[in-house]
Amino acid sequence: MPYVVQYLPQYHWPSFSTQQPLHDPYYQHHHHQQVYAPQVYAPQIQPPPPPSYEESMASFIQSLLPGIDTSSITATLRATNLSISTVLIGIIYTKRRYPYNVRLANLIVGFALANKFNDDNTFTNRSWSTASGVAVEELNREEKQWLEDIKWGLLVNAEDIWALEQYWESFQRNCYYTV
């Protein structure tokens, strides 16, 4: 007679009222005892996903230039896909010209000037208007006045860019996200 493994009938997995029995047609057909499957792990609450680059950069910009809505900055950064160096130069331009009371149009013109100074393929002011929601006439007027006031001097010290880049990296490491 072959050796057959038999399970102890008095052994049961811990059962909870929320558990469902295993439904296997083979075992139900042969009238075997149904066994409740144990829940090995308790449900775990997952942390929220980390913010995107655009969201964290928008929070960073808002920490430097308060008063601008992060959702507007995020939308503009998503639409333009600017390089980090262009964004940092745009922040430096904007901070130089408007140390206080920055409006979205001021920041967009700073980004546009940085994009035109730093990159060969640039957006038109109409594209900036579409990306940011700021009227193209306002962008044109602001850009012209800005360039006249600084006498077209768009150079930025490497130390300023390096310092701002270090601050950005510190901001990311310390997770100061206000999104």
C-alpha atoms as a PDB file:
ATOM      1  CA  MET A   1       0.000   0.000   0.000  1.00  0.00           C
ATOM      2  CA  PRO A   2       1.502   3.317  -1.032  1.00  0.00           C
ATOM      3  CA  TYR A   3       2.232   5.942   1.567  1.00  0.00           C
ATOM      4  CA  VAL A   4      -0.286   8.807   1.360  1.00  0.00           C
ATOM      5  CA  VAL A   5       0.272  12.089   3.091  1.00  0.00           C
ATOM      6  CA  GLN A   6      -2.737  13.024   5.112  1.00  0.00           C
ATOM      7  CA  TYR A   7      -3.254  16.411   6.604  1.00  0.00           C
ATOM      8  CA  LEU A   8      -4.421  16.750  10.121  1.00  0.00           C
ATOM      9  CA  PRO A   9      -8.121  17.583  10.013  1.00  0.00           C
ATOM     10  CA  GLN A  10      -8.003  19.644  13.211  1.00  0.00           C
ATOM     11  CA  TYR A  11      -5.406  22.068  11.820  1.00  0.00           C
ATOM     12  CA  HIS A  12      -6.829  25.296  10.420  1.00  0.00           C
ATOM     13  CA  TRP A  13      -5.258  28.473   9.263  1.00  0.00           C
ATOM     14  CA  PRO A  14      -6.191  31.457  11.380  1.00  0.00           C
ATOM     15  CA  SER A  15      -9.413  32.705   9.959  1.00  0.00           C
ATOM     16  CA  PHE A  16     -10.749  36.185   9.879  1.00  0.00           C
ATOM     17  CA  SER A  17     -14.260  37.117   9.026  1.00  0.00           C
ATOM     18  CA  THR A  18     -13.123  39.089   5.972  1.00  0.00           C
ATOM     19  CA  GLN A  19     -11.280  36.204   4.361  1.00  0.00           C
ATOM     20  CA  GLN A  20     -12.816  34.169   1.595  1.00  0.00           C
ATOM     21  CA  PRO A  21     -12.356  30.413   1.290  1.00  0.00           C
ATOM     22  CA  LEU A  22     -10.247  29.070  -1.517  1.00  0.00           C
ATOM     23  CA  HIS A  23     -12.523  28.135  -4.384  1.00  0.00           C
ATOM     24  CA  ASP A  24     -11.001  25.240  -6.220  1.00  0.00           C
ATOM     25  CA  PRO A  25     -13.419  23.060  -8.170  1.00  0.00           C
ATOM     26  CA  TYR A  26     -11.273  19.982  -7.597  1.00  0.00           C
ATOM     27  CA  TYR A  27     -11.435  20.173  -3.826  1.00  0.00           C
ATOM     28  CA  GLN A  28     -15.070  21.181  -3.716  1.00  0.00           C
ATOM     29  CA  HIS A  29     -15.969  18.256  -5.948  1.00  0.00           C
ATOM     30  CA  HIS A  30     -14.365  15.738  -3.605  1.00  0.00           C
ATOM     31  CA  HIS A  31     -15.870  17.335  -0.511  1.00  0.00           C
ATOM     32  CA  HIS A  32     -12.592  18.222   1.094  1.00  0.00           C
ATOM     33  CA  GLN A  33     -12.516  20.711   3.873  1.00  0.00           C
ATOM     34  CA  GLN A  34     -12.192  24.295   2.681  1.00  0.00           C
ATOM     35  CA  VAL A  35      -9.201  26.111   4.050  1.00  0.00           C
ATOM     36  CA  TYR A  36      -9.068  29.836   4.515  1.00  0.00           C
ATOM     37  CA  ALA A  37      -5.942  31.356   3.029  1.00  0.00           C
ATOM     38  CA  PRO A  38      -4.042  33.437   5.539  1.00  0.00           C
ATOM     39  CA  GLN A  39      -3.295  37.048   4.841  1.00  0.00           C
ATOM     40  CA  VAL A  40       0.459  37.085   5.056  1.00  0.00           C
ATOM     41  CA  TYR A  41       0.955  40.834   5.028  1.00  0.00           C
ATOM     42  CA  ALA A  42      -1.206  43.569   6.392  1.00  0.00           C
ATOM     43  CA  PRO A  43      -2.148  46.210   3.848  1.00  0.00           C
ATOM     44  CA  GLN A  44       0.495  48.879   3.835  1.00  0.00           C
ATOM     45  CA  ILE A  45      -0.062  52.533   3.212  1.00  0.00           C
ATOM     46  CA  GLN A  46       2.141  53.625   0.359  1.00  0.00           C
ATOM     47  CA  PRO A  47       3.819  57.010   0.553  1.00  0.00           C
ATOM     48  CA  PRO A  48       2.793  59.471  -2.120  1.00  0.00           C
ATOM     49  CA  PRO A  49       4.996  59.489  -5.201  1.00  0.00           C
ATOM     50  CA  PRO A  50       7.789  62.041  -5.154  1.00  0.00           C
ATOM     51  CA  PRO A  51       7.037  65.294  -6.922  1.00  0.00           C
ATOM     52  CA  SER A  52       8.117  65.620 -10.531  1.00  0.00           C
ATOM     53  CA  TYR A  53      11.087  67.737 -11.553  1.00  0.00           C
ATOM     54  CA  GLU A  54       8.746  70.519 -12.622  1.00  0.00           C
ATOM     55  CA  GLU A  55       6.849  70.483  -9.310  1.00  0.00           C
ATOM     56  CA  SER A  56       9.988  70.520  -7.177  1.00  0.00           C
ATOM     57  CA  MET A  57      11.572  73.228  -9.349  1.00  0.00           C
ATOM     58  CA  ALA A  58       8.377  75.294  -9.040  1.00  0.00           C
ATOM     59  CA  SER A  59       8.591  74.995  -5.243  1.00  0.00           C
ATOM     60  CA  PHE A  60      12.249  75.997  -5.388  1.00  0.00           C
ATOM     61  CA  ILE A  61      11.451  79.034  -7.535  1.00  0.00           C
ATOM     62  CA  GLN A  62       8.626  80.026  -5.212  1.00  0.00           C
ATOM     63  CA  SER A  63      11.013  79.836  -2.243  1.00  0.00           C
ATOM     64  CA  LEU A  64      13.299  82.322  -4.017  1.00  0.00           C
ATOM     65  CA  LEU A  65      10.638  84.475  -5.663  1.00  0.00           C
ATOM     66  CA  PRO A  66       7.541  84.374  -3.457  1.00  0.00           C
ATOM     67  CA  GLY A  67       4.211  85.475  -4.790  1.00  0.00           C
ATOM     68  CA  ILE A  68       4.000  83.317  -7.897  1.00  0.00           C
ATOM     69  CA  ASP A  69       1.632  80.378  -7.961  1.00  0.00           C
ATOM     70  CA  THR A  70       3.499  77.066  -8.238  1.00  0.00           C
ATOM     71  CA  SER A  71       0.889  75.606 -10.584  1.00  0.00           C
ATOM     72  CA  SER A  72       1.617  78.346 -13.156  1.00  0.00           C
ATOM     73  CA  ILE A  73       5.355  77.756 -12.887  1.00  0.00           C
ATOM     74  CA  THR A  74       4.886  73.984 -13.120  1.00  0.00           C
ATOM     75  CA  ALA A  75       2.721  74.299 -16.227  1.00  0.00           C
ATOM     76  CA  THR A  76       5.252  76.604 -17.898  1.00  0.00           C
ATOM     77  CA  LEU A  77       8.184  74.324 -17.073  1.00  0.00           C
ATOM     78  CA  ARG A  78       6.290  71.303 -18.396  1.00  0.00           C
ATOM     79  CA  ALA A  79       5.380  73.086 -21.624  1.00  0.00           C
ATOM     80  CA  THR A  80       8.872  74.441 -22.309  1.00  0.00           C
ATOM     81  CA  ASN A  81      11.109  71.619 -21.007  1.00  0.00           C
ATOM     82  CA  LEU A  82      13.910  74.084 -20.236  1.00  0.00           C
ATOM     83  CA  SER A  83      17.373  72.889 -19.274  1.00  0.00           C
ATOM     84  CA  ILE A  84      18.401  73.320 -15.643  1.00  0.00           C
ATOM     85  CA  SER A  85      21.027  75.908 -16.623  1.00  0.00           C
ATOM     86  CA  THR A  86      18.439  77.984 -18.478  1.00  0.00           C
ATOM     87  CA  VAL A  87      16.073  77.870 -15.504  1.00  0.00           C
ATOM     88  CA  LEU A  88      18.839  78.900 -13.090  1.00  0.00           C
ATOM     89  CA  ILE A  89      19.964  81.773 -15.330  1.00  0.00           C
ATOM     90  CA  GLY A  90      16.323  82.873 -15.659  1.00  0.00           C
ATOM     91  CA  ILE A  91      16.005  82.892 -11.869  1.00  0.00           C
ATOM     92  CA  ILE A  92      19.186  84.974 -11.570  1.00  0.00           C
ATOM     93  CA  TYR A  93      17.918  87.483 -14.158  1.00  0.00           C
ATOM     94  CA  THR A  94      14.551  87.767 -12.435  1.00  0.00           C
ATOM     95  CA  LYS A  95      16.065  88.068  -8.950  1.00  0.00           C
ATOM     96  CA  ARG A  96      18.419  90.814 -10.148  1.00  0.00           C
ATOM     97  CA  ARG A  97      15.687  92.892 -11.724  1.00  0.00           C
ATOM     98  CA  TYR A  98      12.882  92.153  -9.263  1.00  0.00           C
ATOM     99  CA  PRO A  99      14.207  91.346  -5.795  1.00  0.00           C
ATOM    100  CA  TYR A 100      10.670  91.832  -4.417  1.00  0.00           C
ATOM    101  CA  ASN A 101       7.116  91.609  -5.753  1.00  0.00           C
ATOM    102  CA  VAL A 102       7.722  89.323  -8.707  1.00  0.00           C
ATOM    103  CA  ARG A 103       4.839  88.633 -11.063  1.00  0.00           C
ATOM    104  CA  LEU A 104       4.521  85.626 -13.352  1.00  0.00           C
ATOM    105  CA  ALA A 105       5.163  87.825 -16.403  1.00  0.00           C
ATOM    106  CA  ASN A 106       8.497  88.942 -14.896  1.00  0.00           C
ATOM    107  CA  LEU A 107       9.615  85.352 -14.376  1.00  0.00           C
ATOM    108  CA  ILE A 108       8.523  84.323 -17.873  1.00  0.00           C
ATOM    109  CA  VAL A 109      10.517  87.178 -19.413  1.00  0.00           C
ATOM    110  CA  GLY A 110      13.501  86.100 -17.300  1.00  0.00           C
ATOM    111  CA  PHE A 111      13.122  82.552 -18.635  1.00  0.00           C
ATOM    112  CA  ALA A 112      12.718  83.837 -22.200  1.00  0.00           C
ATOM    113  CA  LEU A 113      15.868  85.971 -21.974  1.00  0.00           C
ATOM    114  CA  ALA A 114      17.813  83.088 -20.424  1.00  0.00           C
ATOM    115  CA  ASN A 115      16.554  80.775 -23.155  1.00  0.00           C
ATOM    116  CA  LYS A 116      17.577  83.235 -25.877  1.00  0.00           C
ATOM    117  CA  PHE A 117      20.979  83.815 -24.255  1.00  0.00           C
ATOM    118  CA  ASN A 118      21.760  80.197 -23.375  1.00  0.00           C
ATOM    119  CA  ASP A 119      20.256  78.096 -26.178  1.00  0.00           C
ATOM    120  CA  ASP A 120      20.513  78.195 -29.950  1.00  0.00           C
ATOM    121  CA  ASN A 121      16.972  76.926 -30.526  1.00  0.00           C
ATOM    122  CA  THR A 122      14.664  79.254 -28.661  1.00  0.00           C
ATOM    123  CA  PHE A 123      10.962  79.823 -28.287  1.00  0.00           C
ATOM    124  CA  THR A 124       9.200  82.822 -29.753  1.00  0.00           C
ATOM    125  CA  ASN A 125       7.368  85.167 -27.417  1.00  0.00           C
ATOM    126  CA  ARG A 126       4.111  83.775 -28.813  1.00  0.00           C
ATOM    127  CA  SER A 127       5.228  80.304 -27.664  1.00  0.00           C
ATOM    128  CA  TRP A 128       6.048  81.698 -24.226  1.00  0.00           C
ATOM    129  CA  SER A 129       2.620  83.308 -24.143  1.00  0.00           C
ATOM    130  CA  THR A 130       0.938  80.015 -25.014  1.00  0.00           C
ATOM    131  CA  ALA A 131       2.995  78.101 -22.436  1.00  0.00           C
ATOM    132  CA  SER A 132       2.462  80.565 -19.588  1.00  0.00           C
ATOM    133  CA  GLY A 133      -0.869  82.236 -20.268  1.00  0.00           C
ATOM    134  CA  VAL A 134       0.706  85.713 -20.189  1.00  0.00           C
ATOM    135  CA  ALA A 135      -0.330  87.991 -23.069  1.00  0.00           C
ATOM    136  CA  VAL A 136       2.255  88.219 -25.846  1.00  0.00           C
ATOM    137  CA  GLU A 137       1.972  92.026 -25.879  1.00  0.00           C
ATOM    138  CA  GLU A 138       2.892  92.158 -22.192  1.00  0.00           C
ATOM    139  CA  LEU A 139       5.860  89.839 -22.760  1.00  0.00           C
ATOM    140  CA  ASN A 140       7.109  91.940 -25.700  1.00  0.00           C
ATOM    141  CA  ARG A 141       6.758  95.213 -23.775  1.00  0.00           C
ATOM    142  CA  GLU A 142       8.395  93.812 -20.626  1.00  0.00           C
ATOM    143  CA  GLU A 143      11.276  92.208 -22.553  1.00  0.00           C
ATOM    144  CA  LYS A 144      12.031  95.406 -24.487  1.00  0.00           C
ATOM    145  CA  GLN A 145      12.011  97.535 -21.327  1.00  0.00           C
ATOM    146  CA  TRP A 146      14.128  94.980 -19.469  1.00  0.00           C
ATOM    147  CA  LEU A 147      16.826  94.850 -22.176  1.00  0.00           C
ATOM    148  CA  GLU A 148      16.951  98.650 -22.433  1.00  0.00           C
ATOM    149  CA  ASP A 149      17.317  98.999 -18.651  1.00  0.00           C
ATOM    150  CA  ILE A 150      20.220  96.540 -18.439  1.00  0.00           C
ATOM    151  CA  LYS A 151      21.753  97.855 -21.708  1.00  0.00           C
ATOM    152  CA  TRP A 152      21.577  94.354 -23.196  1.00  0.00           C
ATOM    153  CA  GLY A 153      24.035  93.020 -20.596  1.00  0.00           C
ATOM    154  CA  LEU A 154      22.947  89.412 -20.109  1.00  0.00           C
ATOM    155  CA  LEU A 155      26.213  87.957 -18.799  1.00  0.00           C
ATOM    156  CA  VAL A 156      26.023  86.029 -15.539  1.00  0.00           C
ATOM    157  CA  ASN A 157      28.937  85.196 -13.258  1.00  0.00           C
ATOM    158  CA  ALA A 158      29.788  81.505 -13.104  1.00  0.00           C
ATOM    159  CA  GLU A 159      29.914  81.816  -9.305  1.00  0.00           C
ATOM    160  CA  ASP A 160      26.295  82.992  -9.207  1.00  0.00           C
ATOM    161  CA  ILE A 161      25.162  80.016 -11.264  1.00  0.00           C
ATOM    162  CA  TRP A 162      27.267  77.625  -9.184  1.00  0.00           C
ATOM    163  CA  ALA A 163      25.890  79.020  -5.899  1.00  0.00           C
ATOM    164  CA  LEU A 164      22.298  78.757  -7.107  1.00  0.00           C
ATOM    165  CA  GLU A 165      22.941  75.233  -8.390  1.00  0.00           C
ATOM    166  CA  GLN A 166      24.312  74.240  -4.968  1.00  0.00           C
ATOM    167  CA  TYR A 167      21.228  75.704  -3.321  1.00  0.00           C
ATOM    168  CA  TRP A 168      18.991  73.751  -5.742  1.00  0.00           C
ATOM    169  CA  GLU A 169      20.813  70.500  -4.936  1.00  0.00           C
ATOM    170  CA  SER A 170      20.511  71.210  -1.214  1.00  0.00           C
ATOM    171  CA  PHE A 171      16.820  71.960  -1.668  1.00  0.00           C
ATOM    172  CA  GLN A 172      16.321  68.606  -3.390  1.00  0.00           C
ATOM    173  CA  ARG A 173      18.331  66.664  -0.792  1.00  0.00           C
ATOM    174  CA  ASN A 174      16.417  68.152   2.101  1.00  0.00           C
ATOM    175  CA  CYS A 175      13.033  67.621   0.451  1.00  0.00           C
ATOM    176  CA  TYR A 176      11.678  71.088   1.043  1.00  0.00           C
ATOM    177  CA  TYR A 177       8.772  70.503  -1.297  1.00  0.00           C
ATOM    178  CA  THR A 178       5.745  72.671  -0.795  1.00  0.00           C
ATOM    179  CA  VAL A 179       3.735  71.157  -3.600  1.00  0.00           C
END
